[in-house]
C-alpha atoms as a PDB file:
ATOM      1  CA  MET A   1    -104.649-147.671 108.018  1.00  0.00           C
ATOM      2  CA  THR A   2    -101.292-147.978 106.242  1.00  0.00           C
ATOM      3  CA  LYS A   3    -101.302-147.769 102.451  1.00  0.00           C
ATOM      4  CA  LEU A   4     -98.639-149.332 100.257  1.00  0.00           C
ATOM      5  CA  PHE A   5     -97.945-147.967  96.786  1.00  0.00           C
ATOM      6  CA  VAL A   6     -95.551-149.476  94.268  1.00  0.00           C
ATOM      7  CA  VAL A   7     -94.387-146.982  91.648  1.00  0.00           C
ATOM      8  CA  LYS A   8     -93.219-148.428  88.333  1.00  0.00           C
ATOM      9  CA  PHE A   9     -91.440-146.631  85.527  1.00  0.00           C
ATOM     10  CA  TYR A  10     -91.796-147.647  81.900  1.00  0.00           C
ATOM     11  CA  LYS A  11     -89.426-146.952  79.039  1.00  0.00           C
ATOM     12  CA  ASN A  12     -92.244-146.205  76.634  1.00  0.00           C
ATOM     13  CA  ALA A  13     -95.919-145.333  76.710  1.00  0.00           C
ATOM     14  CA  ALA A  14     -97.028-148.434  74.783  1.00  0.00           C
ATOM     15  CA  THR A  15     -95.719-150.721  77.513  1.00  0.00           C
ATOM     16  CA  MET A  16     -97.440-148.663  80.209  1.00  0.00           C
ATOM     17  CA  ARG A  17    -100.712-148.744  78.284  1.00  0.00           C
ATOM     18  CA  LEU A  18    -100.486-152.556  78.063  1.00  0.00           C
ATOM     19  CA  ALA A  19     -99.794-152.762  81.795  1.00  0.00           C
ATOM     20  CA  VAL A  20    -102.922-150.832  82.749  1.00  0.00           C
ATOM     21  CA  GLU A  21    -105.008-152.614  80.125  1.00  0.00           C
ATOM     22  CA  THR A  22    -104.072-156.072  81.463  1.00  0.00           C
ATOM     23  CA  GLY A  23    -104.484-155.036  85.088  1.00  0.00           C
ATOM     24  CA  GLU A  24    -100.791-155.252  85.936  1.00  0.00           C
ATOM     25  CA  ILE A  25    -100.998-151.701  87.296  1.00  0.00           C
ATOM     26  CA  ASP A  26    -103.905-149.736  88.754  1.00  0.00           C
ATOM     27  CA  ILE A  27    -103.058-146.267  87.442  1.00  0.00           C
ATOM     28  CA  ALA A  28    -101.234-145.138  84.316  1.00  0.00           C
ATOM     29  CA  TRP A  29    -100.090-141.582  84.999  1.00  0.00           C
ATOM     30  CA  LYS A  30     -97.916-139.585  82.576  1.00  0.00           C
ATOM     31  CA  THR A  31     -97.419-140.079  79.687  1.00  0.00           C
ATOM     32  CA  LEU A  32     -99.877-142.059  77.564  1.00  0.00           C
ATOM     33  CA  ARG A  33     -99.816-141.599  73.807  1.00  0.00           C
ATOM     34  CA  PRO A  34    -102.864-139.981  72.206  1.00  0.00           C
ATOM     35  CA  ILE A  35    -103.711-143.227  70.397  1.00  0.00           C
ATOM     36  CA  ASP A  36    -103.645-145.057  73.738  1.00  0.00           C
ATOM     37  CA  VAL A  37    -106.017-142.524  75.295  1.00  0.00           C
ATOM     38  CA  ILE A  38    -108.429-142.861  72.358  1.00  0.00           C
ATOM     39  CA  ASP A  39    -108.254-146.678  72.443  1.00  0.00           C
ATOM     40  CA  LEU A  40    -108.743-146.923  76.230  1.00  0.00           C
ATOM     41  CA  LYS A  41    -111.766-144.623  76.019  1.00  0.00           C
ATOM     42  CA  THR A  42    -113.232-146.741  73.219  1.00  0.00           C
ATOM     43  CA  ILE A  43    -112.654-150.054  75.008  1.00  0.00           C
ATOM     44  CA  GLY A  44    -114.119-148.605  78.184  1.00  0.00           C
ATOM     45  CA  LYS A  45    -112.640-150.996  80.767  1.00  0.00           C
ATOM     46  CA  GLN A  46    -110.614-148.313  82.537  1.00  0.00           C
ATOM     47  CA  LYS A  47    -111.680-144.826  83.584  1.00  0.00           C
ATOM     48  CA  VAL A  48    -109.807-142.160  81.624  1.00  0.00           C
ATOM     49  CA  LEU A  49    -109.521-138.946  83.635  1.00  0.00           C
ATOM     50  CA  GLU A  50    -108.654-135.668  81.870  1.00  0.00           C
ATOM     51  CA  VAL A  51    -108.204-132.106  83.096  1.00  0.00           C
ATOM     52  CA  PRO A  52    -106.591-129.023  81.507  1.00  0.00           C
ATOM     53  CA  GLY A  53    -102.873-129.166  82.123  1.00  0.00           C
ATOM     54  CA  PRO A  54    -100.360-126.472  83.007  1.00  0.00           C
ATOM     55  CA  TYR A  55     -97.527-127.998  80.999  1.00  0.00           C
ATOM     56  CA  ILE A  56     -96.588-126.306  77.749  1.00  0.00           C
ATOM     57  CA  ARG A  57     -94.336-126.862  74.750  1.00  0.00           C
ATOM     58  CA  TYR A  58     -92.377-124.204  72.905  1.00  0.00           C
ATOM     59  CA  ILE A  59     -89.440-123.391  70.643  1.00  0.00           C
ATOM     60  CA  ILE A  60     -86.419-121.532  71.993  1.00  0.00           C
ATOM     61  CA  CYS A  61     -84.380-119.276  69.713  1.00  0.00           C
ATOM     62  CA  ARG A  62     -80.877-118.527  70.967  1.00  0.00           C
ATOM     63  CA  SER A  63     -81.156-114.768  70.798  1.00  0.00           C
ATOM     64  CA  ASN A  64     -77.597-113.573  71.378  1.00  0.00           C
ATOM     65  CA  LYS A  65     -75.821-115.158  68.390  1.00  0.00           C
ATOM     66  CA  PRO A  66     -76.459-115.504  64.662  1.00  0.00           C
ATOM     67  CA  PRO A  67     -78.739-116.367  63.098  1.00  0.00           C
ATOM     68  CA  PHE A  68     -81.489-115.851  65.699  1.00  0.00           C
ATOM     69  CA  ASN A  69     -80.108-112.652  67.147  1.00  0.00           C
ATOM     70  CA  ASN A  70     -81.983-111.264  64.134  1.00  0.00           C
ATOM     71  CA  VAL A  71     -85.542-110.622  65.352  1.00  0.00           C
ATOM     72  CA  LEU A  72     -86.861-110.846  61.782  1.00  0.00           C
ATOM     73  CA  LEU A  73     -85.896-114.514  61.647  1.00  0.00           C
ATOM     74  CA  ARG A  74     -87.448-115.286  65.023  1.00  0.00           C
ATOM     75  CA  ARG A  75     -90.640-113.567  63.928  1.00  0.00           C
ATOM     76  CA  ALA A  76     -90.647-115.500  60.643  1.00  0.00           C
ATOM     77  CA  VAL A  77     -90.595-118.797  62.546  1.00  0.00           C
ATOM     78  CA  ALA A  78     -93.366-117.560  64.858  1.00  0.00           C
ATOM     79  CA  ALA A  79     -95.520-116.605  61.864  1.00  0.00           C
ATOM     80  CA  ALA A  80     -94.986-119.841  59.923  1.00  0.00           C
ATOM     81  CA  ILE A  81     -95.384-122.525  62.586  1.00  0.00           C
ATOM     82  CA  ASP A  82     -98.520-124.664  62.173  1.00  0.00           C
ATOM     83  CA  ARG A  83     -99.791-125.250  65.706  1.00  0.00           C
ATOM     84  CA  LYS A  84    -103.076-126.833  64.660  1.00  0.00           C
ATOM     85  CA  ARG A  85    -101.355-129.456  62.569  1.00  0.00           C
ATOM     86  CA  ILE A  86     -99.099-130.439  65.474  1.00  0.00           C
ATOM     87  CA  CYS A  87    -102.096-130.793  67.781  1.00  0.00           C
ATOM     88  CA  GLU A  88    -104.321-132.635  65.327  1.00  0.00           C
ATOM     89  CA  GLU A  89    -101.861-134.862  63.465  1.00  0.00           C
ATOM     90  CA  ALA A  90     -99.265-135.715  66.086  1.00  0.00           C
ATOM     91  CA  TYR A  91    -101.466-135.560  69.195  1.00  0.00           C
ATOM     92  CA  LYS A  92    -104.877-136.484  67.713  1.00  0.00           C
ATOM     93  CA  GLY A  93    -106.511-133.458  69.330  1.00  0.00           C
ATOM     94  CA  THR A  94    -105.434-134.347  72.875  1.00  0.00           C
ATOM     95  CA  VAL A  95    -103.506-131.064  73.230  1.00  0.00           C
ATOM     96  CA  ALA A  96    -104.483-127.495  72.318  1.00  0.00           C
ATOM     97  CA  PRO A  97    -102.697-124.777  70.280  1.00  0.00           C
ATOM     98  CA  LEU A  98    -101.044-122.229  72.562  1.00  0.00           C
ATOM     99  CA  TYR A  99    -100.343-118.591  71.671  1.00  0.00           C
ATOM    100  CA  SER A 100     -98.604-117.423  74.850  1.00  0.00           C
ATOM    101  CA  MET A 101     -96.106-118.744  77.351  1.00  0.00           C
ATOM    102  CA  VAL A 102     -98.721-118.017  80.027  1.00  0.00           C
ATOM    103  CA  PRO A 103    -101.070-121.012  79.697  1.00  0.00           C
ATOM    104  CA  MET A 104    -104.748-120.813  78.899  1.00  0.00           C
ATOM    105  CA  GLY A 105    -106.917-120.626  81.996  1.00  0.00           C
ATOM    106  CA  MET A 106    -104.311-118.753  84.016  1.00  0.00           C
ATOM    107  CA  TRP A 107    -105.064-115.165  84.970  1.00  0.00           C
ATOM    108  CA  SER A 108    -103.475-112.596  82.645  1.00  0.00           C
ATOM    109  CA  HIS A 109    -103.309-115.019  79.684  1.00  0.00           C
ATOM    110  CA  ILE A 110    -103.864-113.453  76.275  1.00  0.00           C
ATOM    111  CA  ASP A 111    -103.394-114.997  72.832  1.00  0.00           C
ATOM    112  CA  ALA A 112    -100.469-112.684  72.212  1.00  0.00           C
ATOM    113  CA  PHE A 113     -98.927-114.614  69.306  1.00  0.00           C
ATOM    114  CA  LYS A 114    -102.312-114.940  67.601  1.00  0.00           C
ATOM    115  CA  GLU A 115    -102.822-111.185  67.960  1.00  0.00           C
ATOM    116  CA  GLU A 116     -99.373-110.564  66.479  1.00  0.00           C
ATOM    117  CA  TYR A 117     -99.314-113.167  63.681  1.00  0.00           C
ATOM    118  CA  GLY A 118    -102.786-114.679  63.414  1.00  0.00           C
ATOM    119  CA  GLU A 119    -103.207-118.438  63.742  1.00  0.00           C
ATOM    120  CA  ARG A 120    -100.626-118.775  60.986  1.00  0.00           C
ATOM    121  CA  ASN A 121     -99.318-116.300  58.407  1.00  0.00           C
ATOM    122  CA  LEU A 122     -97.038-117.647  55.701  1.00  0.00           C
ATOM    123  CA  GLU A 123     -97.179-114.404  53.729  1.00  0.00           C
ATOM    124  CA  LEU A 124     -95.912-112.431  56.718  1.00  0.00           C
ATOM    125  CA  ALA A 125     -93.183-115.029  57.239  1.00  0.00           C
ATOM    126  CA  ARG A 126     -92.046-114.554  53.634  1.00  0.00           C
ATOM    127  CA  GLU A 127     -92.045-110.771  54.025  1.00  0.00           C
ATOM    128  CA  LEU A 128     -89.891-111.032  57.150  1.00  0.00           C
ATOM    129  CA  LEU A 129     -87.481-113.443  55.476  1.00  0.00           C
ATOM    130  CA  THR A 130     -87.202-111.116  52.485  1.00  0.00           C
ATOM    131  CA  LYS A 131     -86.354-108.199  54.789  1.00  0.00           C
ATOM    132  CA  ALA A 132     -83.680-110.401  56.373  1.00  0.00           C
ATOM    133  CA  GLY A 133     -82.098-110.948  52.948  1.00  0.00           C
ATOM    134  CA  TYR A 134     -83.432-114.387  52.028  1.00  0.00           C
ATOM    135  CA  SER A 135     -85.365-115.639  49.017  1.00  0.00           C
ATOM    136  CA  LYS A 136     -86.510-118.870  47.345  1.00  0.00           C
ATOM    137  CA  ASP A 137     -83.152-118.990  45.581  1.00  0.00           C
ATOM    138  CA  ASN A 138     -81.286-118.147  48.790  1.00  0.00           C
ATOM    139  CA  PRO A 139     -83.271-119.815  51.594  1.00  0.00           C
ATOM    140  CA  PHE A 140     -82.588-119.374  55.291  1.00  0.00           C
ATOM    141  CA  LYS A 141     -80.834-122.595  56.352  1.00  0.00           C
ATOM    142  CA  PHE A 142     -80.595-123.712  59.970  1.00  0.00           C
ATOM    143  CA  GLU A 143     -80.627-126.725  62.305  1.00  0.00           C
ATOM    144  CA  LEU A 144     -83.682-127.405  64.469  1.00  0.00           C
ATOM    145  CA  TRP A 145     -82.942-129.610  67.482  1.00  0.00           C
ATOM    146  CA  TYR A 146     -85.192-131.925  69.473  1.00  0.00           C
ATOM    147  CA  THR A 147     -84.767-134.715  72.004  1.00  0.00           C
ATOM    148  CA  PRO A 148     -86.495-137.958  70.936  1.00  0.00           C
ATOM    149  CA  THR A 149     -87.883-139.454  74.177  1.00  0.00           C
ATOM    150  CA  HIS A 150     -87.799-136.959  77.063  1.00  0.00           C
ATOM    151  CA  TYR A 151     -91.193-135.465  76.118  1.00  0.00           C
ATOM    152  CA  GLY A 152     -92.776-138.716  74.971  1.00  0.00           C
ATOM    153  CA  ASP A 153     -92.735-140.920  71.904  1.00  0.00           C
ATOM    154  CA  LEU A 154     -94.106-138.322  69.469  1.00  0.00           C
ATOM    155  CA  GLU A 155     -91.293-135.792  69.502  1.00  0.00           C
ATOM    156  CA  ALA A 156     -89.838-136.842  66.153  1.00  0.00           C
ATOM    157  CA  ASP A 157     -93.289-136.364  64.608  1.00  0.00           C
ATOM    158  CA  VAL A 158     -93.610-132.910  66.184  1.00  0.00           C
ATOM    159  CA  ALA A 159     -90.185-131.881  64.880  1.00  0.00           C
ATOM    160  CA  ALA A 160     -91.020-133.171  61.390  1.00  0.00           C
ATOM    161  CA  ILE A 161     -94.287-131.187  61.287  1.00  0.00           C
ATOM    162  CA  ILE A 162     -92.504-128.019  62.407  1.00  0.00           C
ATOM    163  CA  LYS A 163     -89.830-128.531  59.736  1.00  0.00           C
ATOM    164  CA  GLU A 164     -92.487-129.023  57.046  1.00  0.00           C
ATOM    165  CA  SER A 165     -94.534-126.013  58.181  1.00  0.00           C
ATOM    166  CA  LEU A 166     -91.489-123.724  58.122  1.00  0.00           C
ATOM    167  CA  GLU A 167     -90.377-125.025  54.742  1.00  0.00           C
ATOM    168  CA  GLU A 168     -93.815-124.244  53.316  1.00  0.00           C
ATOM    169  CA  THR A 169     -92.563-120.667  53.080  1.00  0.00           C
ATOM    170  CA  GLU A 170     -90.198-121.982  50.375  1.00  0.00           C
ATOM    171  CA  MET A 171     -87.651-119.643  51.937  1.00  0.00           C
ATOM    172  CA  MET A 172     -86.479-121.780  54.867  1.00  0.00           C
ATOM    173  CA  LYS A 173     -84.467-124.982  54.747  1.00  0.00           C
ATOM    174  CA  VAL A 174     -84.504-126.877  58.035  1.00  0.00           C
ATOM    175  CA  THR A 175     -82.189-129.716  59.045  1.00  0.00           C
ATOM    176  CA  LEU A 176     -83.448-131.758  61.986  1.00  0.00           C
ATOM    177  CA  LYS A 177     -80.966-132.770  64.655  1.00  0.00           C
ATOM    178  CA  SER A 178     -81.599-134.785  67.810  1.00  0.00           C
ATOM    179  CA  ALA A 179     -79.812-135.895  70.971  1.00  0.00           C
ATOM    180  CA  GLU A 180     -80.824-137.826  74.064  1.00  0.00           C
ATOM    181  CA  TRP A 181     -81.771-135.685  77.040  1.00  0.00           C
ATOM    182  CA  ALA A 182     -78.482-135.725  78.980  1.00  0.00           C
ATOM    183  CA  THR A 183     -76.545-134.521  75.946  1.00  0.00           C
ATOM    184  CA  TYR A 184     -79.348-132.211  74.840  1.00  0.00           C
ATOM    185  CA  ALA A 185     -79.533-130.454  78.195  1.00  0.00           C
ATOM    186  CA  ALA A 186     -75.768-130.023  78.296  1.00  0.00           C
ATOM    187  CA  LYS A 187     -75.781-128.541  74.796  1.00  0.00           C
ATOM    188  CA  TYR A 188     -78.474-125.956  75.422  1.00  0.00           C
ATOM    189  CA  ILE A 189     -77.543-125.013  78.997  1.00  0.00           C
ATOM    190  CA  ALA A 190     -73.815-125.503  79.316  1.00  0.00           C
ATOM    191  CA  GLN A 191     -72.658-124.837  75.762  1.00  0.00           C
ATOM    192  CA  GLY A 192     -75.474-122.942  74.033  1.00  0.00           C
ATOM    193  CA  VAL A 193     -74.628-124.563  70.703  1.00  0.00           C
ATOM    194  CA  MET A 194     -78.165-125.200  69.432  1.00  0.00           C
ATOM    195  CA  PRO A 195     -79.496-122.184  67.509  1.00  0.00           C
ATOM    196  CA  ILE A 196     -83.144-123.224  67.813  1.00  0.00           C
ATOM    197  CA  PHE A 197     -84.645-126.153  69.716  1.00  0.00           C
ATOM    198  CA  LEU A 198     -87.764-127.685  71.238  1.00  0.00           C
ATOM    199  CA  LEU A 199     -88.361-127.680  74.963  1.00  0.00           C
ATOM    200  CA  GLY A 200     -91.186-128.140  77.455  1.00  0.00           C
ATOM    201  CA  TRP A 201     -92.136-126.655  80.801  1.00  0.00           C
ATOM    202  CA  TYR A 202     -93.777-128.197  83.840  1.00  0.00           C
ATOM    203  CA  PRO A 203     -94.446-125.408  86.339  1.00  0.00           C
ATOM    204  CA  ASP A 204     -92.673-125.023  89.659  1.00  0.00           C
ATOM    205  CA  TYR A 205     -95.524-122.848  90.943  1.00  0.00           C
ATOM    206  CA  ILE A 206     -98.809-121.748  89.420  1.00  0.00           C
ATOM    207  CA  ASP A 207     -98.188-118.111  88.574  1.00  0.00           C
ATOM    208  CA  PRO A 208     -97.424-116.217  85.324  1.00  0.00           C
ATOM    209  CA  ASP A 209     -93.988-115.371  86.710  1.00  0.00           C
ATOM    210  CA  ASP A 210     -92.987-119.039  86.499  1.00  0.00           C
ATOM    211  CA  TYR A 211     -93.745-119.054  82.761  1.00  0.00           C
ATOM    212  CA  THR A 212     -92.035-115.769  81.912  1.00  0.00           C
ATOM    213  CA  SER A 213     -89.121-114.579  84.063  1.00  0.00           C
ATOM    214  CA  ILE A 214     -86.965-117.681  83.651  1.00  0.00           C
ATOM    215  CA  PHE A 215     -87.171-117.365  79.848  1.00  0.00           C
ATOM    216  CA  LEU A 216     -87.321-113.617  79.294  1.00  0.00           C
ATOM    217  CA  HIS A 217     -85.386-111.848  82.064  1.00  0.00           C
ATOM    218  CA  SER A 218     -81.763-111.175  81.118  1.00  0.00           C
ATOM    219  CA  LYS A 219     -80.651-112.501  84.508  1.00  0.00           C
ATOM    220  CA  TRP A 220     -82.124-115.978  83.993  1.00  0.00           C
ATOM    221  CA  SER A 221     -82.761-116.507  80.277  1.00  0.00           C
ATOM    222  CA  PRO A 222     -79.209-117.858  79.678  1.00  0.00           C
ATOM    223  CA  ASP A 223     -80.062-120.728  82.043  1.00  0.00           C
ATOM    224  CA  MET A 224     -82.732-121.834  79.550  1.00  0.00           C
ATOM    225  CA  GLY A 225     -80.550-121.333  76.477  1.00  0.00           C
ATOM    226  CA  VAL A 226     -82.519-118.256  75.352  1.00  0.00           C
ATOM    227  CA  PHE A 227     -79.877-115.586  76.047  1.00  0.00           C
ATOM    228  CA  TYR A 228     -82.503-112.877  75.600  1.00  0.00           C
ATOM    229  CA  SER A 229     -81.882-109.397  76.966  1.00  0.00           C
ATOM    230  CA  ASN A 230     -84.221-106.426  76.760  1.00  0.00           C
ATOM    231  CA  PRO A 231     -84.210-103.683  79.439  1.00  0.00           C
ATOM    232  CA  LYS A 232     -87.913-103.005  78.870  1.00  0.00           C
ATOM    233  CA  MET A 233     -88.759-106.677  79.445  1.00  0.00           C
ATOM    234  CA  ASP A 234     -86.598-106.758  82.580  1.00  0.00           C
ATOM    235  CA  GLU A 235     -88.417-103.693  83.907  1.00  0.00           C
ATOM    236  CA  LEU A 236     -91.852-105.210  83.298  1.00  0.00           C
ATOM    237  CA  LEU A 237     -90.916-108.538  84.882  1.00  0.00           C
ATOM    238  CA  ASP A 238     -89.289-106.923  87.924  1.00  0.00           C
ATOM    239  CA  LYS A 239     -92.390-104.812  88.527  1.00  0.00           C
ATOM    240  CA  ALA A 240     -94.721-107.782  88.081  1.00  0.00           C
ATOM    241  CA  ARG A 241     -92.703-109.937  90.499  1.00  0.00           C
ATOM    242  CA  THR A 242     -92.958-107.366  93.293  1.00  0.00           C
ATOM    243  CA  GLU A 243     -96.428-105.917  92.697  1.00  0.00           C
ATOM    244  CA  VAL A 244     -99.094-107.230  95.098  1.00  0.00           C
ATOM    245  CA  ASP A 245    -102.211-105.859  93.392  1.00  0.00           C
ATOM    246  CA  ILE A 246    -103.596-108.553  91.076  1.00  0.00           C
ATOM    247  CA  GLU A 247    -105.097-106.080  88.610  1.00  0.00           C
ATOM    248  CA  LYS A 248    -101.800-104.229  88.253  1.00  0.00           C
ATOM    249  CA  ARG A 249     -99.915-107.510  87.900  1.00  0.00           C
ATOM    250  CA  THR A 250    -102.345-108.612  85.197  1.00  0.00           C
ATOM    251  CA  LYS A 251    -101.705-105.458  83.179  1.00  0.00           C
ATOM    252  CA  LEU A 252     -97.948-105.938  83.506  1.00  0.00           C
ATOM    253  CA  TYR A 253     -98.074-109.567  82.348  1.00  0.00           C
ATOM    254  CA  ILE A 254    -100.250-108.578  79.399  1.00  0.00           C
ATOM    255  CA  GLU A 255     -97.491-106.143  78.387  1.00  0.00           C
ATOM    256  CA  VAL A 256     -94.910-108.902  78.880  1.00  0.00           C
ATOM    257  CA  GLN A 257     -96.822-111.253  76.591  1.00  0.00           C
ATOM    258  CA  LYS A 258     -97.257-108.627  73.875  1.00  0.00           C
ATOM    259  CA  LEU A 259     -93.553-107.753  73.905  1.00  0.00           C
ATOM    260  CA  MET A 260     -92.624-111.443  73.902  1.00  0.00           C
ATOM    261  CA  ALA A 261     -94.789-112.016  70.820  1.00  0.00           C
ATOM    262  CA  LYS A 262     -93.215-109.070  68.995  1.00  0.00           C
ATOM    263  CA  GLU A 263     -89.653-110.246  69.665  1.00  0.00           C
ATOM    264  CA  ALA A 264     -90.296-114.026  69.734  1.00  0.00           C
ATOM    265  CA  PRO A 265     -87.250-115.308  71.639  1.00  0.00           C
ATOM    266  CA  VAL A 266     -89.531-118.130  72.800  1.00  0.00           C
ATOM    267  CA  ILE A 267     -92.398-119.422  70.645  1.00  0.00           C
ATOM    268  CA  PRO A 268     -95.143-121.471  72.349  1.00  0.00           C
ATOM    269  CA  PHE A 269     -97.006-124.055  70.285  1.00  0.00           C
ATOM    270  CA  PHE A 270     -99.210-126.228  72.500  1.00  0.00           C
ATOM    271  CA  GLN A 271    -100.645-126.749  75.967  1.00  0.00           C
ATOM    272  CA  GLY A 272    -101.126-130.224  77.345  1.00  0.00           C
ATOM    273  CA  VAL A 273    -103.874-132.093  79.128  1.00  0.00           C
ATOM    274  CA  LEU A 274    -103.324-134.153  82.278  1.00  0.00           C
ATOM    275  CA  ILE A 275    -104.514-137.713  81.710  1.00  0.00           C
ATOM    276  CA  ALA A 276    -104.657-140.827  83.880  1.00  0.00           C
ATOM    277  CA  ALA A 277    -106.092-144.258  83.064  1.00  0.00           C
ATOM    278  CA  VAL A 278    -107.477-145.840  86.228  1.00  0.00           C
ATOM    279  CA  GLN A 279    -108.906-149.272  87.025  1.00  0.00           C
ATOM    280  CA  PRO A 280    -112.641-149.082  87.882  1.00  0.00           C
ATOM    281  CA  ASN A 281    -112.139-150.229  91.483  1.00  0.00           C
ATOM    282  CA  ILE A 282    -109.597-147.491  92.228  1.00  0.00           C
ATOM    283  CA  LYS A 283    -111.086-144.355  93.764  1.00  0.00           C
ATOM    284  CA  GLY A 284    -109.807-140.976  94.908  1.00  0.00           C
ATOM    285  CA  VAL A 285    -107.557-140.144  91.959  1.00  0.00           C
ATOM    286  CA  VAL A 286    -107.544-136.351  91.648  1.00  0.00           C
ATOM    287  CA  LEU A 287    -105.898-134.488  88.774  1.00  0.00           C
ATOM    288  CA  ASP A 288    -105.345-130.730  88.900  1.00  0.00           C
ATOM    289  CA  PRO A 289    -102.863-128.109  87.632  1.00  0.00           C
ATOM    290  CA  VAL A 290    -100.485-128.689  90.558  1.00  0.00           C
ATOM    291  CA  MET A 291     -99.583-131.958  88.775  1.00  0.00           C
ATOM    292  CA  LEU A 292     -99.069-133.919  92.001  1.00  0.00           C
ATOM    293  CA  LEU A 293    -100.719-137.312  92.342  1.00  0.00           C
ATOM    294  CA  ARG A 294    -102.209-137.249  95.844  1.00  0.00           C
ATOM    295  CA  TYR A 295    -101.519-140.788  96.982  1.00  0.00           C
ATOM    296  CA  TYR A 296    -103.159-140.209 100.369  1.00  0.00           C
ATOM    297  CA  LEU A 297    -106.566-139.811  98.669  1.00  0.00           C
ATOM    298  CA  ILE A 298    -106.353-143.004  96.640  1.00  0.00           C
ATOM    299  CA  TYR A 299    -107.980-146.231  97.782  1.00  0.00           C
ATOM    300  CA  ARG A 300    -109.207-149.539  96.397  1.00  0.00           C
ATOM    301  CA  GLU A 301    -112.932-150.208  96.605  1.00  0.00           C
END
């Protein structure tokens, strides 16, 4: 039997939520706002499906030029960021704090940033800033960039919370800057002009390599605007990419995560959840970490 699917794209999540709520569409898939998810669950007319997601959010520090070629400053940001506040205030608990670029639930994951900095450590951040030559009277000033719509409607809120959490040190002064995605991508990839910026990752394949090599290997990190280079990291990643024994690979990726946390060229802050709102007569919707909607399984009852 032939199936016909019509795929619609919406400019914002509120419009998509209204479309599924009124029955205009059968499935709302990527990206509902947290408030929409909570409301749809409360109303109870549609099924709300949720599974742990492999997509992650993080901060990139351009590591080859001032100011973030100074590891003390990268570490200060890593210590001061308030992951819980981002998850609870901006996302209403629909995402989870993340302490590694390797997502939770994936083999080899460890909470490397939590081991290095704790959940949050403002005192350590101040110590690092002091070592770097800054003080309350001479704060570290920099621009933090974000793109307002590419990752959903809440990005300005996320950026504002990060700014406030860093400024709680009283030794950092953050100016928020934003650009739409086309310009943003050109700035961080082609020009490398943003010193520190927010980004997100949807995996190409489900393996720790996909969450590490592209950001941390000197051969590929410039493509992501990181410009990080460390021979020890390259050695670990090269070994892990070619090793076939899963236990040996796990040990290598644990070393990768620990070194990443110490040097903080990339700073993870949350892991997402895959969510779909589905009309009650629609069956066969399967969500899993591959992040592909399997249309061939879907049918109307």
